[in-house]
Structure formats: structure tokens, C-alpha cells
PDB file of all heavy atoms in Angstrom:
ATOM      1  N   ASP A   1       6.536   4.415 -12.765  1.00  0.00           N
ATOM      2  CA  ASP A   1       5.206   4.873 -13.140  1.00  0.00           C
ATOM      3  C   ASP A   1       4.269   4.517 -11.952  1.00  0.00           C
ATOM      4  O   ASP A   1       4.181   3.363 -11.544  1.00  0.00           O
ATOM      5  CB  ASP A   1       4.715   4.104 -14.375  1.00  0.00           C
ATOM      6  CG  ASP A   1       5.519   4.597 -15.634  1.00  0.00           C
ATOM      7  OD1 ASP A   1       5.279   5.727 -16.045  1.00  0.00           O
ATOM      8  OD2 ASP A   1       6.348   3.790 -16.077  1.00  0.00           O
ATOM      9  N   ILE A   2       3.677   5.588 -11.373  1.00  0.00           N
ATOM     10  CA  ILE A   2       2.835   5.359 -10.171  1.00  0.00           C
ATOM     11  C   ILE A   2       1.479   5.953 -10.380  1.00  0.00           C
ATOM     12  O   ILE A   2       1.336   7.114 -10.846  1.00  0.00           O
ATOM     13  CB  ILE A   2       3.555   5.965  -8.984  1.00  0.00           C
ATOM     14  CG1 ILE A   2       4.902   5.304  -8.702  1.00  0.00           C
ATOM     15  CG2 ILE A   2       2.741   5.890  -7.710  1.00  0.00           C
ATOM     16  CD1 ILE A   2       5.746   5.957  -7.623  1.00  0.00           C
ATOM     17  N   ARG A   3       0.479   5.275  -9.958  1.00  0.00           N
ATOM     18  CA  ARG A   3      -0.935   5.772 -10.068  1.00  0.00           C
ATOM     19  C   ARG A   3      -1.532   5.787  -8.676  1.00  0.00           C
ATOM     20  O   ARG A   3      -1.433   4.769  -7.882  1.00  0.00           O
ATOM     21  CB  ARG A   3      -1.685   4.804 -10.951  1.00  0.00           C
ATOM     22  CG  ARG A   3      -3.179   5.241 -11.216  1.00  0.00           C
ATOM     23  CD  ARG A   3      -3.849   4.168 -12.053  1.00  0.00           C
ATOM     24  NE  ARG A   3      -3.213   4.041 -13.336  1.00  0.00           N
ATOM     25  CZ  ARG A   3      -2.601   2.963 -13.693  1.00  0.00           C
ATOM     26  NH1 ARG A   3      -2.497   1.942 -12.938  1.00  0.00           N
ATOM     27  NH2 ARG A   3      -1.986   2.857 -14.885  1.00  0.00           N
ATOM     28  N   ALA A   4      -2.190   6.931  -8.310  1.00  0.00           N
ATOM     29  CA  ALA A   4      -2.962   7.019  -7.063  1.00  0.00           C
ATOM     30  C   ALA A   4      -4.438   6.910  -7.377  1.00  0.00           C
ATOM     31  O   ALA A   4      -4.937   7.646  -8.266  1.00  0.00           O
ATOM     32  CB  ALA A   4      -2.632   8.375  -6.376  1.00  0.00           C
ATOM     33  N   VAL A   5      -5.076   5.969  -6.749  1.00  0.00           N
ATOM     34  CA  VAL A   5      -6.504   5.702  -6.927  1.00  0.00           C
ATOM     35  C   VAL A   5      -7.333   6.272  -5.849  1.00  0.00           C
ATOM     36  O   VAL A   5      -7.112   5.911  -4.672  1.00  0.00           O
ATOM     37  CB  VAL A   5      -6.805   4.255  -7.270  1.00  0.00           C
ATOM     38  CG1 VAL A   5      -8.284   3.973  -7.535  1.00  0.00           C
ATOM     39  CG2 VAL A   5      -5.937   3.688  -8.382  1.00  0.00           C
ATOM     40  N   PHE A   6      -8.304   7.171  -6.143  1.00  0.00           N
ATOM     41  CA  PHE A   6      -9.260   7.679  -5.137  1.00  0.00           C
ATOM     42  C   PHE A   6     -10.644   7.129  -5.366  1.00  0.00           C
ATOM     43  O   PHE A   6     -10.994   6.820  -6.493  1.00  0.00           O
ATOM     44  CB  PHE A   6      -9.226   9.163  -5.173  1.00  0.00           C
ATOM     45  CG  PHE A   6      -7.919   9.839  -4.892  1.00  0.00           C
ATOM     46  CD1 PHE A   6      -6.984  10.100  -5.874  1.00  0.00           C
ATOM     47  CD2 PHE A   6      -7.583  10.163  -3.614  1.00  0.00           C
ATOM     48  CE1 PHE A   6      -5.749  10.694  -5.663  1.00  0.00           C
ATOM     49  CE2 PHE A   6      -6.351  10.782  -3.299  1.00  0.00           C
ATOM     50  CZ  PHE A   6      -5.469  11.025  -4.361  1.00  0.00           C
ATOM     51  N   VAL A   7     -11.418   7.119  -4.371  1.00  0.00           N
ATOM     52  CA  VAL A   7     -12.850   6.749  -4.464  1.00  0.00           C
ATOM     53  C   VAL A   7     -13.709   7.767  -3.709  1.00  0.00           C
ATOM     54  O   VAL A   7     -13.239   8.424  -2.836  1.00  0.00           O
ATOM     55  CB  VAL A   7     -13.138   5.313  -3.951  1.00  0.00           C
ATOM     56  CG1 VAL A   7     -12.408   4.248  -4.761  1.00  0.00           C
ATOM     57  CG2 VAL A   7     -12.752   5.228  -2.466  1.00  0.00           C
ATOM     58  N   ARG A   8     -14.978   7.831  -4.066  1.00  0.00           N
ATOM     59  CA  ARG A   8     -15.895   8.765  -3.440  1.00  0.00           C
ATOM     60  C   ARG A   8     -16.057   8.391  -1.896  1.00  0.00           C
ATOM     61  O   ARG A   8     -16.120   7.177  -1.613  1.00  0.00           O
ATOM     62  CB  ARG A   8     -17.248   8.757  -4.150  1.00  0.00           C
ATOM     63  CG  ARG A   8     -17.280   9.431  -5.425  1.00  0.00           C
ATOM     64  CD  ARG A   8     -17.355  10.973  -5.194  1.00  0.00           C
ATOM     65  NE  ARG A   8     -17.598  11.718  -6.465  1.00  0.00           N
ATOM     66  CZ  ARG A   8     -17.599  13.025  -6.548  1.00  0.00           C
ATOM     67  NH1 ARG A   8     -17.402  13.750  -5.489  1.00  0.00           N
ATOM     68  NH2 ARG A   8     -17.830  13.601  -7.717  1.00  0.00           N
ATOM     69  N   ASP A   9     -16.111   9.411  -1.114  1.00  0.00           N
ATOM     70  CA  ASP A   9     -16.326   9.173   0.307  1.00  0.00           C
ATOM     71  C   ASP A   9     -17.852   9.131   0.564  1.00  0.00           C
ATOM     72  O   ASP A   9     -18.500  10.190   0.775  1.00  0.00           O
ATOM     73  CB  ASP A   9     -15.709  10.245   1.146  1.00  0.00           C
ATOM     74  CG  ASP A   9     -15.831  10.041   2.641  1.00  0.00           C
ATOM     75  OD1 ASP A   9     -16.339   8.974   3.001  1.00  0.00           O
ATOM     76  OD2 ASP A   9     -15.279  10.872   3.434  1.00  0.00           O
ATOM     77  N   THR A  10     -18.405   7.946   0.460  1.00  0.00           N
ATOM     78  CA  THR A  10     -19.856   7.742   0.714  1.00  0.00           C
ATOM     79  C   THR A  10     -20.180   7.113   2.040  1.00  0.00           C
ATOM     80  O   THR A  10     -21.329   6.712   2.235  1.00  0.00           O
ATOM     81  CB  THR A  10     -20.418   6.921  -0.470  1.00  0.00           C
ATOM     82  OG1 THR A  10     -19.754   5.663  -0.481  1.00  0.00           O
ATOM     83  CG2 THR A  10     -20.287   7.577  -1.802  1.00  0.00           C
ATOM     84  N   PHE A  11     -19.209   6.983   2.875  1.00  0.00           N
ATOM     85  CA  PHE A  11     -19.317   6.274   4.116  1.00  0.00           C
ATOM     86  C   PHE A  11     -19.853   7.245   5.246  1.00  0.00           C
ATOM     87  O   PHE A  11     -19.334   8.296   5.368  1.00  0.00           O
ATOM     88  CB  PHE A  11     -17.990   5.621   4.559  1.00  0.00           C
ATOM     89  CG  PHE A  11     -17.408   4.725   3.518  1.00  0.00           C
ATOM     90  CD1 PHE A  11     -16.418   5.163   2.749  1.00  0.00           C
ATOM     91  CD2 PHE A  11     -17.859   3.433   3.453  1.00  0.00           C
ATOM     92  CE1 PHE A  11     -15.803   4.339   1.790  1.00  0.00           C
ATOM     93  CE2 PHE A  11     -17.348   2.611   2.485  1.00  0.00           C
ATOM     94  CZ  PHE A  11     -16.310   3.017   1.635  1.00  0.00           C
ATOM     95  N   GLY A  12     -20.881   6.800   5.948  1.00  0.00           N
ATOM     96  CA  GLY A  12     -21.358   7.584   7.049  1.00  0.00           C
ATOM     97  C   GLY A  12     -20.435   7.501   8.235  1.00  0.00           C
ATOM     98  O   GLY A  12     -20.340   8.458   9.053  1.00  0.00           O
ATOM     99  N   ILE A  13     -19.675   6.415   8.380  1.00  0.00           N
ATOM    100  CA  ILE A  13     -18.760   6.162   9.503  1.00  0.00           C
ATOM    101  C   ILE A  13     -17.473   5.610   8.842  1.00  0.00           C
ATOM    102  O   ILE A  13     -17.535   4.715   8.024  1.00  0.00           O
ATOM    103  CB  ILE A  13     -19.253   5.215  10.488  1.00  0.00           C
ATOM    104  CG1 ILE A  13     -20.667   5.631  11.032  1.00  0.00           C
ATOM    105  CG2 ILE A  13     -18.320   5.062  11.675  1.00  0.00           C
ATOM    106  CD1 ILE A  13     -21.344   4.559  11.798  1.00  0.00           C
ATOM    107  N   ARG A  14     -16.355   6.279   9.263  1.00  0.00           N
ATOM    108  CA  ARG A  14     -15.064   5.819   8.651  1.00  0.00           C
ATOM    109  C   ARG A  14     -13.957   5.970   9.647  1.00  0.00           C
ATOM    110  O   ARG A  14     -13.882   6.927  10.366  1.00  0.00           O
ATOM    111  CB  ARG A  14     -14.827   6.566   7.356  1.00  0.00           C
ATOM    112  CG  ARG A  14     -13.536   6.222   6.646  1.00  0.00           C
ATOM    113  CD  ARG A  14     -13.607   6.694   5.262  1.00  0.00           C
ATOM    114  NE  ARG A  14     -13.574   8.113   5.076  1.00  0.00           N
ATOM    115  CZ  ARG A  14     -12.536   8.895   5.108  1.00  0.00           C
ATOM    116  NH1 ARG A  14     -11.331   8.363   5.279  1.00  0.00           N
ATOM    117  NH2 ARG A  14     -12.616  10.188   4.966  1.00  0.00           N
ATOM    118  N   THR A  15     -13.065   5.066   9.658  1.00  0.00           N
ATOM    119  CA  THR A  15     -11.728   5.136  10.502  1.00  0.00           C
ATOM    120  C   THR A  15     -10.716   6.028   9.788  1.00  0.00           C
ATOM    121  O   THR A  15     -10.326   5.729   8.668  1.00  0.00           O
ATOM    122  CB  THR A  15     -11.188   3.789  10.762  1.00  0.00           C
ATOM    123  OG1 THR A  15     -12.091   3.015  11.522  1.00  0.00           O
ATOM    124  CG2 THR A  15      -9.914   3.901  11.632  1.00  0.00           C
ATOM    125  N   LEU A  16     -10.455   7.166  10.395  1.00  0.00           N
ATOM    126  CA  LEU A  16      -9.406   8.061   9.763  1.00  0.00           C
ATOM    127  C   LEU A  16      -8.009   7.707  10.126  1.00  0.00           C
ATOM    128  O   LEU A  16      -7.094   7.937   9.318  1.00  0.00           O
ATOM    129  CB  LEU A  16      -9.709   9.514  10.266  1.00  0.00           C
ATOM    130  CG  LEU A  16     -10.800  10.305   9.664  1.00  0.00           C
ATOM    131  CD1 LEU A  16     -10.779  11.733  10.148  1.00  0.00           C
ATOM    132  CD2 LEU A  16     -10.757  10.282   8.135  1.00  0.00           C
ATOM    133  N   ALA A  17      -7.818   7.119  11.308  1.00  0.00           N
ATOM    134  CA  ALA A  17      -6.461   6.742  11.723  1.00  0.00           C
ATOM    135  C   ALA A  17      -6.537   5.639  12.710  1.00  0.00           C
ATOM    136  O   ALA A  17      -7.455   5.510  13.494  1.00  0.00           O
ATOM    137  CB  ALA A  17      -5.854   7.974  12.419  1.00  0.00           C
ATOM    138  N   GLY A  18      -5.511   4.749  12.717  1.00  0.00           N
ATOM    139  CA  GLY A  18      -5.470   3.618  13.646  1.00  0.00           C
ATOM    140  C   GLY A  18      -6.451   2.496  13.219  1.00  0.00           C
ATOM    141  O   GLY A  18      -6.682   2.273  12.029  1.00  0.00           O
ATOM    142  N   GLY A  19      -7.024   1.876  14.245  1.00  0.00           N
ATOM    143  CA  GLY A  19      -7.887   0.746  13.885  1.00  0.00           C
ATOM    144  C   GLY A  19      -7.213  -0.481  13.579  1.00  0.00           C
ATOM    145  O   GLY A  19      -7.798  -1.469  13.061  1.00  0.00           O
ATOM    146  N   LYS A  20      -5.898  -0.569  13.832  1.00  0.00           N
ATOM    147  CA  LYS A  20      -5.060  -1.740  13.535  1.00  0.00           C
ATOM    148  C   LYS A  20      -4.628  -2.507  14.800  1.00  0.00           C
ATOM    149  O   LYS A  20      -3.601  -3.189  14.786  1.00  0.00           O
ATOM    150  CB  LYS A  20      -3.799  -1.296  12.748  1.00  0.00           C
ATOM    151  CG  LYS A  20      -4.083  -0.567  11.440  1.00  0.00           C
ATOM    152  CD  LYS A  20      -4.830  -1.411  10.458  1.00  0.00           C
ATOM    153  CE  LYS A  20      -5.055  -0.654   9.118  1.00  0.00           C
ATOM    154  NZ  LYS A  20      -5.777  -1.433   8.143  1.00  0.00           N
ATOM    155  N   GLY A  21      -5.427  -2.293  15.832  1.00  0.00           N
ATOM    156  CA  GLY A  21      -5.107  -2.939  17.089  1.00  0.00           C
ATOM    157  C   GLY A  21      -4.176  -2.047  17.914  1.00  0.00           C
ATOM    158  O   GLY A  21      -3.623  -1.067  17.450  1.00  0.00           O
ATOM    159  N   LYS A  22      -3.945  -2.460  19.212  1.00  0.00           N
ATOM    160  CA  LYS A  22      -3.131  -1.725  20.144  1.00  0.00           C
ATOM    161  C   LYS A  22      -1.707  -2.002  19.800  1.00  0.00           C
ATOM    162  O   LYS A  22      -1.288  -3.184  19.709  1.00  0.00           O
ATOM    163  CB  LYS A  22      -3.483  -2.065  21.556  1.00  0.00           C
ATOM    164  CG  LYS A  22      -2.610  -1.379  22.608  1.00  0.00           C
ATOM    165  CD  LYS A  22      -3.139  -1.632  23.984  1.00  0.00           C
ATOM    166  CE  LYS A  22      -2.906  -3.080  24.461  1.00  0.00           C
ATOM    167  NZ  LYS A  22      -3.284  -3.274  25.810  1.00  0.00           N
ATOM    168  N   GLY A  23      -0.816  -0.979  19.750  1.00  0.00           N
ATOM    169  CA  GLY A  23       0.572  -1.264  19.457  1.00  0.00           C
ATOM    170  C   GLY A  23       1.361   0.035  19.279  1.00  0.00           C
ATOM    171  O   GLY A  23       0.866   1.185  19.515  1.00  0.00           O
ATOM    172  N   ILE A  24       2.672  -0.157  18.919  1.00  0.00           N
ATOM    173  CA  ILE A  24       3.515   0.993  18.809  1.00  0.00           C
ATOM    174  C   ILE A  24       3.890   1.338  17.416  1.00  0.00           C
ATOM    175  O   ILE A  24       4.700   2.240  17.185  1.00  0.00           O
ATOM    176  CB  ILE A  24       4.878   0.699  19.668  1.00  0.00           C
ATOM    177  CG1 ILE A  24       5.589  -0.487  19.089  1.00  0.00           C
ATOM    178  CG2 ILE A  24       4.557   0.544  21.122  1.00  0.00           C
ATOM    179  CD1 ILE A  24       7.014  -0.717  19.667  1.00  0.00           C
ATOM    180  N   GLU A  25       3.446   0.612  16.484  1.00  0.00           N
ATOM    181  CA  GLU A  25       3.722   0.911  15.037  1.00  0.00           C
ATOM    182  C   GLU A  25       3.124   2.238  14.627  1.00  0.00           C
ATOM    183  O   GLU A  25       2.227   2.770  15.265  1.00  0.00           O
ATOM    184  CB  GLU A  25       3.238  -0.255  14.098  1.00  0.00           C
ATOM    185  CG  GLU A  25       3.775  -1.644  14.498  1.00  0.00           C
ATOM    186  CD  GLU A  25       5.292  -1.687  14.396  1.00  0.00           C
ATOM    187  OE1 GLU A  25       5.934  -0.985  13.512  1.00  0.00           O
ATOM    188  OE2 GLU A  25       5.935  -2.383  15.216  1.00  0.00           O
ATOM    189  N   MET A  26       3.600   2.711  13.474  1.00  0.00           N
ATOM    190  CA  MET A  26       3.152   4.047  13.061  1.00  0.00           C
ATOM    191  C   MET A  26       1.660   4.073  12.543  1.00  0.00           C
ATOM    192  O   MET A  26       1.124   5.187  12.341  1.00  0.00           O
ATOM    193  CB  MET A  26       4.059   4.550  11.924  1.00  0.00           C
ATOM    194  CG  MET A  26       5.471   4.926  12.476  1.00  0.00           C
ATOM    195  SD  MET A  26       5.406   6.237  13.669  1.00  0.00           S
ATOM    196  CE  MET A  26       6.876   5.895  14.661  1.00  0.00           C
TER     197      MET A  26
END
């Protein structure tokens, strides 16, 4: 049993990808 929770995008600035430091992970 799995639930996906979404929230409204009310942010003027948001990180779409990365932002986890420099590295080789996915």
C-alpha cells in the first residue's frame, strides 16, 4: 500500500535537480 503526497507549488525559487553537493551520485 503506497501513497504519493503532493503539495502546491507556491515557491518563487525552487531546486529542480541536484543541490546535494558536488558528486557522482544520481
